[in-house]
Amino acid sequence: MLKSKDYAKGDNGEQQEKFSYFLINYKEATSEVVERAVATVQMAWLEIADQAARRIRQRRSNNYIFNHLL
């Protein structure tokens, strides 16, 4: 990836080209990080929802056993 010191080299057209490549690389890297973060948060929410559903099922099962079988 290009650094800011690379823009000082060459003529103006070359600088603009390097800068546009830098922006493209930065945008792609940033979007990958954001996608990973979103996926991580989604997985965490799915895990939380799964745990809550398990607790609810367990509670209902316990209530049924207590109310109907005992």
C-alpha atoms as a PDB file:
ATOM      1  CA  MET A   1       0.000   0.000   0.000  1.00  0.00           C
ATOM      2  CA  LEU A   2       1.225   3.511  -0.782  1.00  0.00           C
ATOM      3  CA  LYS A   3       2.230   5.954   1.927  1.00  0.00           C
ATOM      4  CA  SER A   4       1.801   9.717   1.909  1.00  0.00           C
ATOM      5  CA  LYS A   5       5.524  10.256   1.170  1.00  0.00           C
ATOM      6  CA  ASP A   6       5.019   8.485  -2.186  1.00  0.00           C
ATOM      7  CA  TYR A   7       2.828  11.366  -3.378  1.00  0.00           C
ATOM      8  CA  ALA A   8       5.755  13.784  -3.296  1.00  0.00           C
ATOM      9  CA  LYS A   9       7.546  11.824  -6.026  1.00  0.00           C
ATOM     10  CA  GLY A  10       6.963  12.284  -9.754  1.00  0.00           C
ATOM     11  CA  ASP A  11       4.824  14.697 -11.736  1.00  0.00           C
ATOM     12  CA  ASN A  12       1.286  15.727 -10.877  1.00  0.00           C
ATOM     13  CA  GLY A  13      -0.392  13.098 -13.096  1.00  0.00           C
ATOM     14  CA  GLU A  14       1.664  10.344 -11.486  1.00  0.00           C
ATOM     15  CA  GLN A  15       0.811  11.689  -8.041  1.00  0.00           C
ATOM     16  CA  GLN A  16      -2.898  11.661  -8.843  1.00  0.00           C
ATOM     17  CA  GLU A  17      -2.677   8.098 -10.145  1.00  0.00           C
ATOM     18  CA  LYS A  18      -0.836   6.927  -7.014  1.00  0.00           C
ATOM     19  CA  PHE A  19      -3.326   8.721  -4.825  1.00  0.00           C
ATOM     20  CA  SER A  20      -6.292   7.138  -6.624  1.00  0.00           C
ATOM     21  CA  TYR A  21      -4.742   3.675  -6.150  1.00  0.00           C
ATOM     22  CA  PHE A  22      -4.196   4.512  -2.497  1.00  0.00           C
ATOM     23  CA  LEU A  23      -7.866   5.486  -2.105  1.00  0.00           C
ATOM     24  CA  ILE A  24      -9.050   2.320  -3.856  1.00  0.00           C
ATOM     25  CA  ASN A  25      -6.855   0.147  -1.622  1.00  0.00           C
ATOM     26  CA  TYR A  26      -7.975   2.059   1.467  1.00  0.00           C
ATOM     27  CA  LYS A  27     -11.652   1.726   0.527  1.00  0.00           C
ATOM     28  CA  GLU A  28     -11.329  -2.021  -0.110  1.00  0.00           C
ATOM     29  CA  ALA A  29      -9.447  -2.603   3.143  1.00  0.00           C
ATOM     30  CA  THR A  30     -11.957  -0.520   5.086  1.00  0.00           C
ATOM     31  CA  SER A  31     -14.948  -2.324   3.584  1.00  0.00           C
ATOM     32  CA  GLU A  32     -13.400  -5.712   4.450  1.00  0.00           C
ATOM     33  CA  VAL A  33     -12.915  -4.616   8.060  1.00  0.00           C
ATOM     34  CA  VAL A  34     -16.490  -3.326   8.244  1.00  0.00           C
ATOM     35  CA  GLU A  35     -17.861  -6.538   6.707  1.00  0.00           C
ATOM     36  CA  ARG A  36     -15.956  -8.629   9.249  1.00  0.00           C
ATOM     37  CA  ALA A  37     -17.186  -6.461  12.116  1.00  0.00           C
ATOM     38  CA  VAL A  38     -20.794  -6.712  10.941  1.00  0.00           C
ATOM     39  CA  ALA A  39     -20.496 -10.483  10.562  1.00  0.00           C
ATOM     40  CA  THR A  40     -19.018 -10.755  14.062  1.00  0.00           C
ATOM     41  CA  VAL A  41     -21.856  -8.720  15.569  1.00  0.00           C
ATOM     42  CA  GLN A  42     -24.453 -10.749  13.662  1.00  0.00           C
ATOM     43  CA  MET A  43     -22.956 -13.999  14.931  1.00  0.00           C
ATOM     44  CA  ALA A  44     -22.945 -12.650  18.484  1.00  0.00           C
ATOM     45  CA  TRP A  45     -26.626 -11.685  18.226  1.00  0.00           C
ATOM     46  CA  LEU A  46     -27.492 -15.095  16.793  1.00  0.00           C
ATOM     47  CA  GLU A  47     -25.697 -16.762  19.700  1.00  0.00           C
ATOM     48  CA  ILE A  48     -27.540 -14.557  22.211  1.00  0.00           C
ATOM     49  CA  ALA A  49     -30.886 -15.330  20.558  1.00  0.00           C
ATOM     50  CA  ASP A  50     -30.089 -19.055  20.527  1.00  0.00           C
ATOM     51  CA  GLN A  51     -29.211 -19.022  24.231  1.00  0.00           C
ATOM     52  CA  ALA A  52     -32.407 -17.122  25.049  1.00  0.00           C
ATOM     53  CA  ALA A  53     -34.495 -19.600  23.043  1.00  0.00           C
ATOM     54  CA  ARG A  54     -32.850 -22.504  24.876  1.00  0.00           C
ATOM     55  CA  ARG A  55     -33.619 -20.913  28.241  1.00  0.00           C
ATOM     56  CA  ILE A  56     -37.251 -20.339  27.260  1.00  0.00           C
ATOM     57  CA  ARG A  57     -37.630 -23.945  26.060  1.00  0.00           C
ATOM     58  CA  GLN A  58     -36.021 -25.234  29.251  1.00  0.00           C
ATOM     59  CA  ARG A  59     -38.279 -23.072  31.410  1.00  0.00           C
ATOM     60  CA  ARG A  60     -41.388 -24.257  29.541  1.00  0.00           C
ATOM     61  CA  SER A  61     -40.260 -27.838  29.871  1.00  0.00           C
ATOM     62  CA  ASN A  62     -39.654 -27.426  33.595  1.00  0.00           C
ATOM     63  CA  ASN A  63     -43.043 -25.750  34.055  1.00  0.00           C
ATOM     64  CA  TYR A  64     -44.802 -28.549  32.177  1.00  0.00           C
ATOM     65  CA  ILE A  65     -43.094 -31.205  34.267  1.00  0.00           C
ATOM     66  CA  PHE A  66     -43.877 -29.352  37.492  1.00  0.00           C
ATOM     67  CA  ASN A  67     -47.518 -28.592  36.623  1.00  0.00           C
ATOM     68  CA  HIS A  68     -48.572 -31.816  34.884  1.00  0.00           C
ATOM     69  CA  LEU A  69     -46.414 -34.629  36.067  1.00  0.00           C
ATOM     70  CA  LEU A  70     -45.877 -33.870  39.737  1.00  0.00           C
END
